[in-house]
Amino acid sequence: MKLRKKCIGILMIFICLFGLTAYAAKDNSIKTDIPKEERLFRKNADGSFITVPVNFVEAKATCSHQALEPIGPGEIITYPGAATTSAYCYRTRRKQPARCVYCGKTGFTIYGPYETYPHIYSTTNYCNRCGYKKR
């Protein structure tokens, strides 16, 4: 009976450590995309996230800033070579400044999820977009 409890205990510790390691690895991929002058405010399930400036100061905790609306034109950030594999040329992400709907505070930046673009091959075995050679 004691051996069974020890085995179950060791198994539970292993499962917990493995789960924390996988979570930390997933979280680090977003942290590498955040500029140094910004910090993470909220992470969404679809891969998008919201940042605020490092010196962002909350005046009062009356607003949770849950409803944000985009302001301005925004921009599309292209990551060439970051996703260059046999399936994709490059990936893009939309960067959009935003403000809170309820209190009007600005300074938020919404980074959309990645969009990947597949290779387009011509009659030769080279991609028209990035020049990747089909094998």
C-alpha atoms as a PDB file:
ATOM      1  CA  MET A   1       0.000   0.000   0.000  1.00  0.00           C
ATOM      2  CA  LYS A   2       2.840   2.421   0.846  1.00  0.00           C
ATOM      3  CA  LEU A   3       4.543   1.674  -2.467  1.00  0.00           C
ATOM      4  CA  ARG A   4       1.333   2.437  -4.336  1.00  0.00           C
ATOM      5  CA  LYS A   5       0.960   5.807  -2.577  1.00  0.00           C
ATOM      6  CA  LYS A   6       4.588   6.688  -3.331  1.00  0.00           C
ATOM      7  CA  CYS A   7       4.145   5.816  -7.002  1.00  0.00           C
ATOM      8  CA  ILE A   8       0.979   7.897  -7.254  1.00  0.00           C
ATOM      9  CA  GLY A   9       2.715  10.798  -5.474  1.00  0.00           C
ATOM     10  CA  ILE A  10       5.716  10.681  -7.804  1.00  0.00           C
ATOM     11  CA  LEU A  11       3.414  10.442 -10.820  1.00  0.00           C
ATOM     12  CA  MET A  12       1.427  13.497  -9.674  1.00  0.00           C
ATOM     13  CA  ILE A  13       4.610  15.524  -9.158  1.00  0.00           C
ATOM     14  CA  PHE A  14       5.817  14.569 -12.643  1.00  0.00           C
ATOM     15  CA  ILE A  15       2.481  15.564 -14.211  1.00  0.00           C
ATOM     16  CA  CYS A  16       2.479  18.926 -12.396  1.00  0.00           C
ATOM     17  CA  LEU A  17       6.069  19.748 -13.400  1.00  0.00           C
ATOM     18  CA  PHE A  18       5.464  18.764 -17.017  1.00  0.00           C
ATOM     19  CA  GLY A  19       2.294  20.894 -17.154  1.00  0.00           C
ATOM     20  CA  LEU A  20       4.099  23.944 -15.756  1.00  0.00           C
ATOM     21  CA  THR A  21       6.947  23.525 -18.230  1.00  0.00           C
ATOM     22  CA  ALA A  22       4.534  23.358 -21.181  1.00  0.00           C
ATOM     23  CA  TYR A  23       2.660  26.442 -19.938  1.00  0.00           C
ATOM     24  CA  ALA A  24       5.903  28.426 -19.517  1.00  0.00           C
ATOM     25  CA  ALA A  25       7.048  27.501 -23.029  1.00  0.00           C
ATOM     26  CA  LYS A  26       3.745  28.670 -24.521  1.00  0.00           C
ATOM     27  CA  ASP A  27       3.884  31.933 -22.547  1.00  0.00           C
ATOM     28  CA  ASN A  28       7.462  32.723 -23.650  1.00  0.00           C
ATOM     29  CA  SER A  29       6.486  32.799 -27.331  1.00  0.00           C
ATOM     30  CA  ILE A  30       4.265  35.819 -26.680  1.00  0.00           C
ATOM     31  CA  LYS A  31       6.823  37.547 -24.469  1.00  0.00           C
ATOM     32  CA  THR A  32       9.393  37.514 -27.269  1.00  0.00           C
ATOM     33  CA  ASP A  33       6.958  39.429 -29.527  1.00  0.00           C
ATOM     34  CA  ILE A  34       6.402  42.267 -27.035  1.00  0.00           C
ATOM     35  CA  PRO A  35       8.610  45.361 -27.572  1.00  0.00           C
ATOM     36  CA  LYS A  36      10.853  46.353 -24.652  1.00  0.00           C
ATOM     37  CA  GLU A  37       8.950  49.587 -24.034  1.00  0.00           C
ATOM     38  CA  GLU A  38       5.655  47.701 -23.520  1.00  0.00           C
ATOM     39  CA  ARG A  39       4.360  45.102 -21.070  1.00  0.00           C
ATOM     40  CA  LEU A  40       1.678  42.429 -21.364  1.00  0.00           C
ATOM     41  CA  PHE A  41      -1.775  43.563 -20.219  1.00  0.00           C
ATOM     42  CA  ARG A  42      -3.958  40.658 -21.358  1.00  0.00           C
ATOM     43  CA  LYS A  43      -3.542  37.468 -23.385  1.00  0.00           C
ATOM     44  CA  ASN A  44      -6.454  36.097 -25.448  1.00  0.00           C
ATOM     45  CA  ALA A  45      -7.210  32.491 -26.363  1.00  0.00           C
ATOM     46  CA  ASP A  46      -6.887  33.090 -30.138  1.00  0.00           C
ATOM     47  CA  GLY A  47      -3.204  34.064 -29.862  1.00  0.00           C
ATOM     48  CA  SER A  48      -3.787  37.807 -29.809  1.00  0.00           C
ATOM     49  CA  PHE A  49      -2.689  39.917 -26.857  1.00  0.00           C
ATOM     50  CA  ILE A  50      -2.893  43.461 -25.521  1.00  0.00           C
ATOM     51  CA  THR A  51       0.031  45.516 -24.254  1.00  0.00           C
ATOM     52  CA  VAL A  52       0.436  48.811 -22.430  1.00  0.00           C
ATOM     53  CA  PRO A  53       3.484  51.083 -22.092  1.00  0.00           C
ATOM     54  CA  VAL A  54       5.898  50.203 -19.280  1.00  0.00           C
ATOM     55  CA  ASN A  55       5.119  53.523 -17.564  1.00  0.00           C
ATOM     56  CA  PHE A  56       1.330  52.921 -17.791  1.00  0.00           C
ATOM     57  CA  VAL A  57      -0.155  54.172 -14.521  1.00  0.00           C
ATOM     58  CA  GLU A  58      -3.601  53.280 -13.234  1.00  0.00           C
ATOM     59  CA  ALA A  59      -5.231  56.324 -11.679  1.00  0.00           C
ATOM     60  CA  LYS A  60      -7.916  54.299  -9.909  1.00  0.00           C
ATOM     61  CA  ALA A  61      -9.002  50.695 -10.019  1.00  0.00           C
ATOM     62  CA  THR A  62     -12.565  51.665 -10.980  1.00  0.00           C
ATOM     63  CA  CYS A  63     -12.285  50.443 -14.586  1.00  0.00           C
ATOM     64  CA  SER A  64     -11.016  46.993 -15.592  1.00  0.00           C
ATOM     65  CA  HIS A  65     -10.523  48.025 -19.262  1.00  0.00           C
ATOM     66  CA  GLN A  66     -12.281  44.912 -20.569  1.00  0.00           C
ATOM     67  CA  ALA A  67     -13.910  46.615 -23.578  1.00  0.00           C
ATOM     68  CA  LEU A  68     -11.325  48.125 -25.906  1.00  0.00           C
ATOM     69  CA  GLU A  69     -11.952  49.705 -29.282  1.00  0.00           C
ATOM     70  CA  PRO A  70      -9.352  50.310 -31.986  1.00  0.00           C
ATOM     71  CA  ILE A  71      -8.381  53.868 -32.849  1.00  0.00           C
ATOM     72  CA  GLY A  72      -6.381  55.003 -35.846  1.00  0.00           C
ATOM     73  CA  PRO A  73      -5.415  53.027 -38.925  1.00  0.00           C
ATOM     74  CA  GLY A  74      -3.112  50.469 -37.316  1.00  0.00           C
ATOM     75  CA  GLU A  75      -0.377  48.608 -39.151  1.00  0.00           C
ATOM     76  CA  ILE A  76       0.459  45.122 -40.330  1.00  0.00           C
ATOM     77  CA  ILE A  77       3.784  43.724 -39.141  1.00  0.00           C
ATOM     78  CA  THR A  78       5.411  41.206 -41.485  1.00  0.00           C
ATOM     79  CA  TYR A  79       7.801  38.565 -40.185  1.00  0.00           C
ATOM     80  CA  PRO A  80       9.670  37.333 -43.273  1.00  0.00           C
ATOM     81  CA  GLY A  81      11.642  34.174 -42.770  1.00  0.00           C
ATOM     82  CA  ALA A  82      10.094  33.582 -39.356  1.00  0.00           C
ATOM     83  CA  ALA A  83       7.714  31.010 -40.771  1.00  0.00           C
ATOM     84  CA  THR A  84       9.677  29.969 -43.854  1.00  0.00           C
ATOM     85  CA  THR A  85       9.096  26.241 -43.946  1.00  0.00           C
ATOM     86  CA  SER A  86       8.078  23.867 -46.675  1.00  0.00           C
ATOM     87  CA  ALA A  87       4.475  24.995 -46.163  1.00  0.00           C
ATOM     88  CA  TYR A  88       4.628  28.768 -45.469  1.00  0.00           C
ATOM     89  CA  CYS A  89       6.478  31.850 -46.790  1.00  0.00           C
ATOM     90  CA  TYR A  90       5.936  34.367 -44.030  1.00  0.00           C
ATOM     91  CA  ARG A  91       3.542  35.439 -41.313  1.00  0.00           C
ATOM     92  CA  THR A  92       1.914  38.718 -40.396  1.00  0.00           C
ATOM     93  CA  ARG A  93       0.330  40.206 -37.300  1.00  0.00           C
ATOM     94  CA  ARG A  94      -1.883  43.303 -37.021  1.00  0.00           C
ATOM     95  CA  LYS A  95      -0.842  46.008 -34.526  1.00  0.00           C
ATOM     96  CA  GLN A  96      -3.639  48.385 -33.565  1.00  0.00           C
ATOM     97  CA  PRO A  97      -3.708  51.215 -30.986  1.00  0.00           C
ATOM     98  CA  ALA A  98      -6.813  51.108 -28.780  1.00  0.00           C
ATOM     99  CA  ARG A  99      -8.676  52.888 -26.015  1.00  0.00           C
ATOM    100  CA  CYS A 100     -11.082  51.775 -23.285  1.00  0.00           C
ATOM    101  CA  VAL A 101     -14.749  52.192 -24.187  1.00  0.00           C
ATOM    102  CA  TYR A 102     -15.837  52.904 -20.611  1.00  0.00           C
ATOM    103  CA  CYS A 103     -13.227  55.315 -19.224  1.00  0.00           C
ATOM    104  CA  GLY A 104     -11.593  56.564 -22.462  1.00  0.00           C
ATOM    105  CA  LYS A 105      -8.022  55.760 -21.349  1.00  0.00           C
ATOM    106  CA  THR A 106      -5.619  55.348 -24.258  1.00  0.00           C
ATOM    107  CA  GLY A 107      -2.217  53.700 -24.530  1.00  0.00           C
ATOM    108  CA  PHE A 108      -3.342  50.148 -25.235  1.00  0.00           C
ATOM    109  CA  THR A 109      -1.998  48.224 -28.229  1.00  0.00           C
ATOM    110  CA  ILE A 110      -3.784  45.196 -29.655  1.00  0.00           C
ATOM    111  CA  TYR A 111      -1.632  42.609 -31.419  1.00  0.00           C
ATOM    112  CA  GLY A 112      -3.772  40.265 -33.503  1.00  0.00           C
ATOM    113  CA  PRO A 113      -3.096  36.558 -34.015  1.00  0.00           C
ATOM    114  CA  TYR A 114      -0.561  35.418 -36.589  1.00  0.00           C
ATOM    115  CA  GLU A 115      -1.708  34.874 -40.158  1.00  0.00           C
ATOM    116  CA  THR A 116       0.502  32.555 -42.208  1.00  0.00           C
ATOM    117  CA  TYR A 117       0.773  32.653 -45.985  1.00  0.00           C
ATOM    118  CA  PRO A 118       1.483  29.505 -48.025  1.00  0.00           C
ATOM    119  CA  HIS A 119       3.987  29.262 -50.846  1.00  0.00           C
ATOM    120  CA  ILE A 120       2.797  29.963 -54.393  1.00  0.00           C
ATOM    121  CA  TYR A 121       4.789  27.930 -56.884  1.00  0.00           C
ATOM    122  CA  SER A 122       5.110  28.758 -60.551  1.00  0.00           C
ATOM    123  CA  THR A 123       6.025  26.277 -63.264  1.00  0.00           C
ATOM    124  CA  THR A 124       9.520  26.178 -61.786  1.00  0.00           C
ATOM    125  CA  ASN A 125      10.016  24.781 -58.306  1.00  0.00           C
ATOM    126  CA  TYR A 126      10.552  28.216 -56.731  1.00  0.00           C
ATOM    127  CA  CYS A 127       8.010  30.194 -54.694  1.00  0.00           C
ATOM    128  CA  ASN A 128       6.883  33.459 -56.334  1.00  0.00           C
ATOM    129  CA  ARG A 129       6.813  35.276 -52.965  1.00  0.00           C
ATOM    130  CA  CYS A 130       9.992  34.256 -51.170  1.00  0.00           C
ATOM    131  CA  GLY A 131      12.048  32.133 -53.561  1.00  0.00           C
ATOM    132  CA  TYR A 132      11.831  28.954 -51.474  1.00  0.00           C
ATOM    133  CA  LYS A 133      12.839  25.926 -53.547  1.00  0.00           C
ATOM    134  CA  LYS A 134      10.348  23.065 -53.585  1.00  0.00           C
ATOM    135  CA  ARG A 135      11.904  19.705 -52.911  1.00  0.00           C
END
